[in-house]
Amino acid sequence: MSEGLITWESVKKKGSEHYKSAGGVEPIDLYRSLGILDSFALGSIIKYASRMARAGVNRKDCEKIRHYADILTAGIKG
């Protein structure tokens, strides 16, 4: 995937496997259908950034922030 071409499908592929249940609804799809996905993603970015401000910068939290930023980017039209 080249930079700037973030799609909903690519975001979903990167998500954690424990959220992908056979035949079930993934939380991220529920948030999207309810129109609260942006708020969820922004809240998650704030959560991980705040944790790093207290505990120090680490790769895992940086990757989570990037994942939630990708969710926001995938939702931008045009």
N, C-alpha and C. Protein backbone atom coordinates (compact mmCIF):
# COMPACT_ATOMS: atom_id res chain seq x y z
N MET A 1 0.85 -1.18 0.00
CA MET A 1 0.00 0.00 0.00
C MET A 1 0.89 1.23 0.00
N SER A 2 0.68 2.11 -0.95
CA SER A 2 1.50 3.31 -1.00
C SER A 2 0.94 4.37 -0.06
N GLU A 3 1.80 5.25 0.36
CA GLU A 3 1.42 6.31 1.29
C GLU A 3 0.31 7.16 0.68
N GLY A 4 -0.72 7.47 1.44
CA GLY A 4 -1.81 8.29 0.97
C GLY A 4 -2.98 7.51 0.41
N LEU A 5 -2.83 6.20 0.19
CA LEU A 5 -3.91 5.38 -0.34
C LEU A 5 -4.44 4.44 0.73
N ILE A 6 -4.94 5.00 1.80
CA ILE A 6 -5.46 4.20 2.89
C ILE A 6 -6.94 3.97 2.65
N THR A 7 -7.32 2.71 2.56
CA THR A 7 -8.72 2.36 2.31
C THR A 7 -9.29 1.67 3.55
N TRP A 8 -10.60 1.60 3.59
CA TRP A 8 -11.27 0.92 4.70
C TRP A 8 -10.85 -0.54 4.74
N GLU A 9 -10.73 -1.16 3.59
CA GLU A 9 -10.33 -2.57 3.52
C GLU A 9 -8.93 -2.78 4.08
N SER A 10 -8.01 -1.86 3.76
CA SER A 10 -6.64 -2.00 4.28
C SER A 10 -6.59 -1.80 5.79
N VAL A 11 -7.40 -0.90 6.30
CA VAL A 11 -7.46 -0.67 7.74
C VAL A 11 -7.99 -1.92 8.44
N LYS A 12 -9.03 -2.51 7.89
CA LYS A 12 -9.62 -3.70 8.51
C LYS A 12 -8.66 -4.88 8.51
N LYS A 13 -7.84 -5.01 7.48
CA LYS A 13 -6.87 -6.11 7.42
C LYS A 13 -5.81 -5.98 8.51
N LYS A 14 -5.49 -4.73 8.89
CA LYS A 14 -4.45 -4.51 9.90
C LYS A 14 -4.95 -4.68 11.32
N GLY A 15 -6.24 -4.76 11.52
CA GLY A 15 -6.79 -4.87 12.86
C GLY A 15 -6.42 -6.17 13.55
N SER A 16 -6.56 -6.19 14.86
CA SER A 16 -6.23 -7.37 15.67
C SER A 16 -7.15 -8.53 15.35
N GLU A 17 -6.59 -9.72 15.31
CA GLU A 17 -7.35 -10.92 14.99
C GLU A 17 -8.42 -11.23 16.04
N HIS A 18 -8.19 -10.87 17.30
CA HIS A 18 -9.17 -11.22 18.33
C HIS A 18 -10.49 -10.46 18.19
N TYR A 19 -10.53 -9.44 17.32
CA TYR A 19 -11.78 -8.74 17.06
C TYR A 19 -12.52 -9.31 15.86
N LYS A 20 -11.90 -10.24 15.16
CA LYS A 20 -12.48 -10.79 13.94
C LYS A 20 -13.13 -12.13 14.24
N SER A 21 -14.40 -12.10 14.58
CA SER A 21 -15.10 -13.34 14.92
C SER A 21 -15.85 -13.87 13.70
N ALA A 22 -15.91 -15.17 13.60
CA ALA A 22 -16.60 -15.81 12.48
C ALA A 22 -18.10 -15.53 12.58
N GLY A 23 -18.61 -14.81 11.61
CA GLY A 23 -20.04 -14.53 11.57
C GLY A 23 -20.52 -13.43 12.50
N GLY A 24 -19.65 -12.92 13.35
CA GLY A 24 -20.03 -11.87 14.29
C GLY A 24 -19.78 -10.48 13.73
N VAL A 25 -20.20 -9.49 14.47
CA VAL A 25 -19.98 -8.11 14.08
C VAL A 25 -18.73 -7.60 14.78
N GLU A 26 -17.82 -7.04 14.00
CA GLU A 26 -16.63 -6.45 14.59
C GLU A 26 -16.99 -5.09 15.19
N PRO A 27 -16.44 -4.75 16.35
CA PRO A 27 -16.75 -3.47 16.96
C PRO A 27 -16.51 -2.28 16.02
N ILE A 28 -15.45 -2.33 15.24
CA ILE A 28 -15.14 -1.21 14.35
C ILE A 28 -16.24 -1.01 13.31
N ASP A 29 -16.86 -2.10 12.85
CA ASP A 29 -17.97 -1.98 11.91
C ASP A 29 -19.21 -1.39 12.58
N LEU A 30 -19.42 -1.76 13.84
CA LEU A 30 -20.54 -1.20 14.59
C LEU A 30 -20.36 0.31 14.77
N TYR A 31 -19.15 0.73 15.17
CA TYR A 31 -18.88 2.16 15.35
C TYR A 31 -19.09 2.92 14.04
N ARG A 32 -18.66 2.30 12.96
CA ARG A 32 -18.81 2.94 11.65
C ARG A 32 -20.28 3.08 11.28
N SER A 33 -21.06 2.02 11.49
CA SER A 33 -22.48 2.06 11.13
C SER A 33 -23.27 3.04 11.99
N LEU A 34 -22.83 3.25 13.22
CA LEU A 34 -23.50 4.19 14.12
C LEU A 34 -23.04 5.64 13.91
N GLY A 35 -22.02 5.82 13.06
CA GLY A 35 -21.52 7.17 12.78
C GLY A 35 -20.62 7.72 13.87
N ILE A 36 -20.05 6.84 14.69
CA ILE A 36 -19.20 7.31 15.79
C ILE A 36 -17.74 6.86 15.64
N LEU A 37 -17.39 6.38 14.45
CA LEU A 37 -16.04 5.86 14.24
C LEU A 37 -14.97 6.93 14.43
N ASP A 38 -15.20 8.14 13.90
CA ASP A 38 -14.21 9.21 14.06
C ASP A 38 -13.99 9.54 15.53
N SER A 39 -15.07 9.64 16.30
CA SER A 39 -14.95 9.94 17.73
C SER A 39 -14.21 8.83 18.46
N PHE A 40 -14.50 7.58 18.11
CA PHE A 40 -13.81 6.44 18.71
C PHE A 40 -12.32 6.50 18.39
N ALA A 41 -11.98 6.74 17.12
CA ALA A 41 -10.58 6.78 16.71
C ALA A 41 -9.84 7.94 17.39
N LEU A 42 -10.45 9.11 17.44
CA LEU A 42 -9.82 10.26 18.10
C LEU A 42 -9.61 9.99 19.58
N GLY A 43 -10.61 9.42 20.23
CA GLY A 43 -10.48 9.08 21.65
C GLY A 43 -9.36 8.08 21.89
N SER A 44 -9.22 7.12 20.99
CA SER A 44 -8.16 6.12 21.13
C SER A 44 -6.78 6.75 20.93
N ILE A 45 -6.66 7.67 19.98
CA ILE A 45 -5.40 8.37 19.77
C ILE A 45 -5.02 9.14 21.02
N ILE A 46 -5.99 9.84 21.60
CA ILE A 46 -5.73 10.61 22.83
C ILE A 46 -5.32 9.68 23.97
N LYS A 47 -5.99 8.54 24.08
CA LYS A 47 -5.68 7.58 25.15
C LYS A 47 -4.23 7.11 25.05
N TYR A 48 -3.81 6.67 23.87
CA TYR A 48 -2.44 6.15 23.73
C TYR A 48 -1.39 7.25 23.83
N ALA A 49 -1.70 8.44 23.33
CA ALA A 49 -0.75 9.56 23.44
C ALA A 49 -0.59 9.97 24.91
N SER A 50 -1.69 9.99 25.65
CA SER A 50 -1.63 10.34 27.07
C SER A 50 -0.83 9.31 27.85
N ARG A 51 -1.03 8.04 27.51
CA ARG A 51 -0.28 6.99 28.19
C ARG A 51 1.22 7.14 27.92
N MET A 52 1.58 7.48 26.69
CA MET A 52 3.00 7.66 26.39
C MET A 52 3.56 8.90 27.08
N ALA A 53 2.74 9.92 27.27
CA ALA A 53 3.21 11.11 27.98
C ALA A 53 3.58 10.77 29.43
N ARG A 54 2.85 9.82 30.02
CA ARG A 54 3.13 9.39 31.39
C ARG A 54 4.23 8.34 31.46
N ALA A 55 4.16 7.34 30.59
CA ALA A 55 5.02 6.16 30.72
C ALA A 55 6.20 6.14 29.75
N GLY A 56 6.23 7.05 28.81
CA GLY A 56 7.31 7.09 27.84
C GLY A 56 6.87 6.55 26.48
N VAL A 57 7.55 7.03 25.47
CA VAL A 57 7.23 6.64 24.10
C VAL A 57 7.66 5.20 23.86
N ASN A 58 6.77 4.43 23.25
CA ASN A 58 7.10 3.04 22.91
C ASN A 58 6.48 2.68 21.57
N ARG A 59 7.10 1.71 20.92
CA ARG A 59 6.70 1.33 19.56
C ARG A 59 5.24 0.84 19.49
N LYS A 60 4.82 0.02 20.43
CA LYS A 60 3.48 -0.56 20.38
C LYS A 60 2.39 0.52 20.40
N ASP A 61 2.52 1.48 21.30
CA ASP A 61 1.53 2.55 21.37
C ASP A 61 1.60 3.45 20.14
N CYS A 62 2.80 3.69 19.61
CA CYS A 62 2.94 4.48 18.38
C CYS A 62 2.22 3.79 17.22
N GLU A 63 2.36 2.47 17.14
CA GLU A 63 1.69 1.72 16.08
C GLU A 63 0.17 1.77 16.24
N LYS A 64 -0.31 1.75 17.48
CA LYS A 64 -1.76 1.86 17.71
C LYS A 64 -2.26 3.24 17.29
N ILE A 65 -1.51 4.28 17.64
CA ILE A 65 -1.90 5.63 17.23
C ILE A 65 -1.96 5.72 15.71
N ARG A 66 -0.97 5.16 15.05
CA ARG A 66 -0.95 5.19 13.58
C ARG A 66 -2.17 4.43 13.02
N HIS A 67 -2.52 3.30 13.61
CA HIS A 67 -3.68 2.53 13.16
C HIS A 67 -4.96 3.37 13.27
N TYR A 68 -5.14 4.05 14.39
CA TYR A 68 -6.34 4.88 14.55
C TYR A 68 -6.31 6.09 13.64
N ALA A 69 -5.12 6.64 13.36
CA ALA A 69 -5.01 7.73 12.39
C ALA A 69 -5.36 7.22 10.99
N ASP A 70 -4.97 5.99 10.68
CA ASP A 70 -5.34 5.38 9.39
C ASP A 70 -6.85 5.22 9.28
N ILE A 71 -7.50 4.88 10.38
CA ILE A 71 -8.97 4.77 10.38
C ILE A 71 -9.58 6.12 10.01
N LEU A 72 -9.07 7.19 10.60
CA LEU A 72 -9.57 8.53 10.28
C LEU A 72 -9.31 8.87 8.81
N THR A 73 -8.11 8.57 8.34
CA THR A 73 -7.73 8.87 6.96
C THR A 73 -8.60 8.10 5.97
N ALA A 74 -8.91 6.84 6.27
CA ALA A 74 -9.72 6.02 5.37
C ALA A 74 -11.13 6.59 5.22
N GLY A 75 -11.59 7.32 6.22
CA GLY A 75 -12.94 7.88 6.18
C GLY A 75 -13.04 9.21 5.47
N ILE A 76 -11.90 9.79 5.08
CA ILE A 76 -11.91 11.10 4.41
C ILE A 76 -12.25 10.91 2.94
N LYS A 77 -13.22 11.64 2.49
CA LYS A 77 -13.62 11.58 1.08
C LYS A 77 -12.87 12.65 0.30
N GLY A 78 -12.32 12.26 -0.84
CA GLY A 78 -11.65 13.21 -1.73
C GLY A 78 -10.30 13.44 -1.30
